[in-house]
Protein backbone atom coordinates (compact mmCIF):
# COMPACT_ATOMS: atom_id res chain seq x y z
CA UNK A 1 -26.99 6.50 66.48
CA UNK A 2 -30.47 7.64 65.48
CA UNK A 3 -30.03 9.95 62.64
CA UNK A 4 -27.06 8.04 60.81
CA UNK A 5 -28.21 6.50 57.60
CA UNK A 6 -25.59 4.19 56.37
CA UNK A 7 -27.18 2.69 53.57
CA UNK A 8 -27.38 5.75 51.26
CA UNK A 9 -24.26 5.98 49.13
CA UNK A 10 -23.63 9.02 47.07
CA UNK A 11 -21.28 8.57 44.05
CA UNK A 12 -20.09 12.23 42.93
CA UNK A 13 -18.24 11.27 40.03
CA UNK A 14 -17.23 8.12 38.33
CA UNK A 15 -13.85 8.21 36.26
CA UNK A 16 -13.88 6.61 32.82
CA UNK A 17 -10.96 4.68 31.67
CA UNK A 18 -7.61 6.09 31.11
CA UNK A 19 -6.27 6.55 27.58
CA UNK A 20 -3.89 3.66 28.21
CA UNK A 21 -6.64 1.52 29.51
CA UNK A 22 -8.97 2.29 26.75
CA UNK A 23 -6.08 1.00 24.33
CA UNK A 24 -5.56 -2.14 26.15
CA UNK A 25 -6.50 -5.40 24.27
CA UNK A 26 -9.03 -6.35 27.04
CA UNK A 27 -10.73 -3.02 26.56
CA UNK A 28 -10.77 -3.29 22.84
CA UNK A 29 -12.28 -6.84 22.95
CA UNK A 30 -14.97 -6.00 25.57
CA UNK A 31 -15.94 -2.97 23.41
CA UNK A 32 -16.24 -5.36 20.35
CA UNK A 33 -18.27 -7.85 22.35
CA UNK A 34 -20.69 -5.08 23.23
CA UNK A 35 -20.99 -4.20 19.48
CA UNK A 36 -19.69 -0.89 19.73
CA UNK A 37 -17.37 0.71 16.63
CA UNK A 38 -13.86 0.07 17.14
CA UNK A 39 -11.28 1.66 15.06
CA UNK A 40 -7.71 0.39 15.07
CA UNK A 41 -4.93 1.91 13.01
CA UNK A 42 -1.26 0.88 12.79
CA UNK A 43 0.85 3.78 13.03
CA UNK A 44 3.75 3.78 10.43
CA UNK A 45 7.36 3.84 12.21
CA UNK A 46 5.48 4.38 15.48
CA UNK A 47 7.74 5.20 18.30
CA UNK A 48 10.84 5.63 16.10
CA UNK A 49 12.20 8.70 14.81
CA UNK A 50 11.72 8.13 11.05
CA UNK A 51 10.60 11.35 9.82
CA UNK A 52 13.60 11.98 7.54
CA UNK A 53 14.94 8.63 7.01
CA UNK A 54 17.35 8.63 4.18
CA UNK A 55 17.81 5.07 2.66
CA UNK A 56 20.77 4.12 0.70
CA UNK A 57 18.78 4.17 -2.69
CA UNK A 58 17.63 7.85 -1.92
CA UNK A 59 20.94 9.02 -1.43
CA UNK A 60 22.24 7.01 -4.43
CA UNK A 61 19.25 8.91 -6.60
CA UNK A 62 20.33 12.26 -4.99
CA UNK A 63 23.79 11.73 -6.28
CA UNK A 64 22.58 10.45 -9.71
CA UNK A 65 24.65 11.86 -12.77
CA UNK A 66 24.89 10.64 -16.32
CA UNK A 67 27.31 7.73 -15.76
CA UNK A 68 25.73 6.56 -12.31
CA UNK A 69 22.03 6.58 -12.82
CA UNK A 70 19.14 4.02 -11.96
CA UNK A 71 17.88 2.21 -15.16
CA UNK A 72 14.45 3.36 -16.62
CA UNK A 73 11.87 1.45 -18.22
CA UNK A 74 12.29 1.77 -22.05
CA UNK A 75 10.29 3.60 -24.31
CA UNK A 76 9.61 0.49 -26.26
CA UNK A 77 8.01 -1.40 -23.14
CA UNK A 78 6.03 2.06 -22.38
CA UNK A 79 4.47 1.78 -26.03
CA UNK A 80 3.72 -1.96 -25.50
CA UNK A 81 1.81 -1.32 -22.12
CA UNK A 82 0.03 1.49 -23.63
CA UNK A 83 -1.12 -0.32 -26.86
CA UNK A 84 -2.07 -3.85 -24.68
CA UNK A 85 -4.01 -1.46 -22.50
CA UNK A 86 -5.72 0.27 -25.10
CA UNK A 87 -6.47 -2.89 -27.02
CA UNK A 88 -8.21 -4.31 -23.89
CA UNK A 89 -10.33 -1.00 -23.76
CA UNK A 90 -8.79 -0.15 -20.44
CA UNK A 91 -7.63 3.34 -19.04
CA UNK A 92 -4.65 3.75 -17.08
CA UNK A 93 -6.82 3.95 -14.19
CA UNK A 94 -8.81 0.87 -14.80
CA UNK A 95 -5.33 -1.22 -15.20
CA UNK A 96 -4.08 0.16 -12.15
CA UNK A 97 -6.89 -0.76 -10.18
CA UNK A 98 -6.54 -4.21 -11.81
CA UNK A 99 -3.30 -4.90 -10.58
CA UNK A 100 -3.64 -3.23 -7.43
CA UNK A 101 -1.26 -0.20 -8.09
CA UNK A 102 -1.61 3.61 -8.05
CA UNK A 103 -2.53 5.20 -11.60
CA UNK A 104 0.66 7.43 -11.26
CA UNK A 105 2.94 4.12 -11.53
CA UNK A 106 1.04 3.11 -15.12
CA UNK A 107 1.84 6.48 -16.22
CA UNK A 108 5.31 6.39 -15.11
CA UNK A 109 5.95 3.00 -16.91
CA UNK A 110 4.03 4.31 -19.98
CA UNK A 111 6.48 7.39 -20.22
CA UNK A 112 9.60 5.65 -19.49
CA UNK A 113 10.04 7.54 -16.29
CA UNK A 114 9.64 4.38 -14.09
CA UNK A 115 12.30 2.48 -12.46
CA UNK A 116 11.60 -1.21 -13.57
CA UNK A 117 9.98 -3.39 -10.88
CA UNK A 118 9.88 -7.06 -11.64
CA UNK A 119 6.59 -7.65 -9.65
CA UNK A 120 4.63 -4.58 -10.92
CA UNK A 121 6.01 -5.75 -14.59
CA UNK A 122 4.85 -9.31 -14.17
CA UNK A 123 1.33 -7.96 -13.04
CA UNK A 124 1.02 -5.59 -16.20
CA UNK A 125 2.15 -8.54 -18.45
CA UNK A 126 -0.58 -10.86 -17.06
CA UNK A 127 -2.97 -8.03 -16.96
CA UNK A 128 -2.78 -6.95 -20.77
CA UNK A 129 -1.55 -10.53 -21.88
CA UNK A 130 1.88 -9.35 -23.63
CA UNK A 131 5.28 -9.87 -22.77
CA UNK A 132 7.28 -6.72 -21.33
CA UNK A 133 10.39 -8.44 -20.24
CA UNK A 134 13.14 -10.51 -21.96
CA UNK A 135 14.14 -10.52 -25.85
CA UNK A 136 10.45 -10.91 -27.40
CA UNK A 137 8.76 -7.93 -25.99
CA UNK A 138 5.32 -7.19 -27.16
CA UNK A 139 4.55 -11.00 -27.81
CA UNK A 140 1.68 -12.60 -26.70
CA UNK A 141 2.08 -13.95 -23.25
CA UNK A 142 1.60 -17.84 -23.48
CA UNK A 143 -0.35 -19.06 -20.21
CA UNK A 144 1.75 -21.24 -18.21
CA UNK A 145 -0.11 -23.99 -16.34
CA UNK A 146 -0.62 -23.06 -12.61
CA UNK A 147 1.75 -25.00 -10.21
CA UNK A 148 -0.04 -27.16 -7.55
């Protein structure tokens, strides 16, 4: 037993964490504690076959004819949005940013191509201070006291 040196240990290769281990909640929190950059993204419709999902509305729009079609925003509302926006000195992009929507949505509403969405109309109303719904379209929006 003279030449046997049992104290020396040679590690040839140390495997890193597998993909599943690296994605685990423990691994992520450990990396965050060490101060490493951790990027997490939520995948849309992950694990489901939703690439070509046809909703009822999409199918309805495809079959759209003259007598069966989705209501669009009236041109009158589009003009009011445009004038209110210009009076405040805003571009379509500025208004879109202000209400957290895409500029294309503002363009669609102004040109009368958009399908009206009460949430979006409400945001635009508050941003430009003019009524866009109901019978007195274009009238100044009276500020209602906030509910507590």
